Amino acid sequence: MTMWENDSEDRLVENLGQHLQDNLILEEQIEKYKKELKLTKAVIP
């Protein structure tokens, strides 16, 4: 494998890690919004 391929691969792995982290944050936000929505629906008949 050439140096360029290694560098490129490292960058891909880094980007993948960043996307996984972003996804976890988004999933947490979605769960929070779902809970808020349930509470709101409970208040509004």
Protein backbone atom coordinates (compact mmCIF):
# COMPACT_ATOMS: atom_id res chain seq x y z
CA MET A 1 0.00 0.00 0.00
CA THR A 2 1.34 3.43 -0.87
CA MET A 3 1.68 6.30 1.55
CA TRP A 4 -1.22 8.08 -0.16
CA GLU A 5 -3.53 5.10 0.34
CA ASN A 6 -2.62 4.90 4.02
CA ASP A 7 -3.29 8.59 4.52
CA SER A 8 -6.56 8.33 2.64
CA GLU A 9 -7.61 5.29 4.67
CA ASP A 10 -6.81 7.04 7.95
CA ARG A 11 -8.93 9.97 6.87
CA LEU A 12 -11.83 7.66 5.96
CA VAL A 13 -11.64 5.95 9.36
CA GLU A 14 -11.52 9.35 11.06
CA ASN A 15 -14.55 10.57 9.08
CA LEU A 16 -16.43 7.37 9.89
CA GLY A 17 -15.73 7.87 13.59
CA GLN A 18 -17.00 11.43 13.37
CA HIS A 19 -20.20 10.31 11.62
CA LEU A 20 -20.80 7.61 14.24
CA GLN A 21 -20.40 10.22 16.97
CA ASP A 22 -22.79 12.60 15.16
CA ASN A 23 -25.32 9.76 14.81
CA LEU A 24 -25.19 9.00 18.54
CA ILE A 25 -25.79 12.66 19.35
CA LEU A 26 -28.73 12.79 16.92
CA GLU A 27 -30.22 9.59 18.36
CA GLU A 28 -30.04 11.07 21.87
CA GLN A 29 -31.78 14.23 20.65
CA ILE A 30 -34.50 12.20 18.91
CA GLU A 31 -35.16 10.23 22.12
CA LYS A 32 -35.37 13.48 24.08
CA TYR A 33 -37.82 14.98 21.57
CA LYS A 34 -39.94 11.80 21.61
CA LYS A 35 -40.22 12.04 25.41
CA GLU A 36 -41.14 15.72 25.19
CA LEU A 37 -43.73 14.91 22.54
CA LYS A 38 -45.28 12.22 24.76
CA LEU A 39 -45.47 14.70 27.65
CA THR A 40 -47.00 17.33 25.38
CA LYS A 41 -49.60 14.87 24.06
CA ALA A 42 -50.44 13.90 27.66
CA VAL A 43 -51.10 17.55 28.53
CA ILE A 44 -53.17 18.34 25.44
CA PRO A 45 -56.37 16.28 25.43
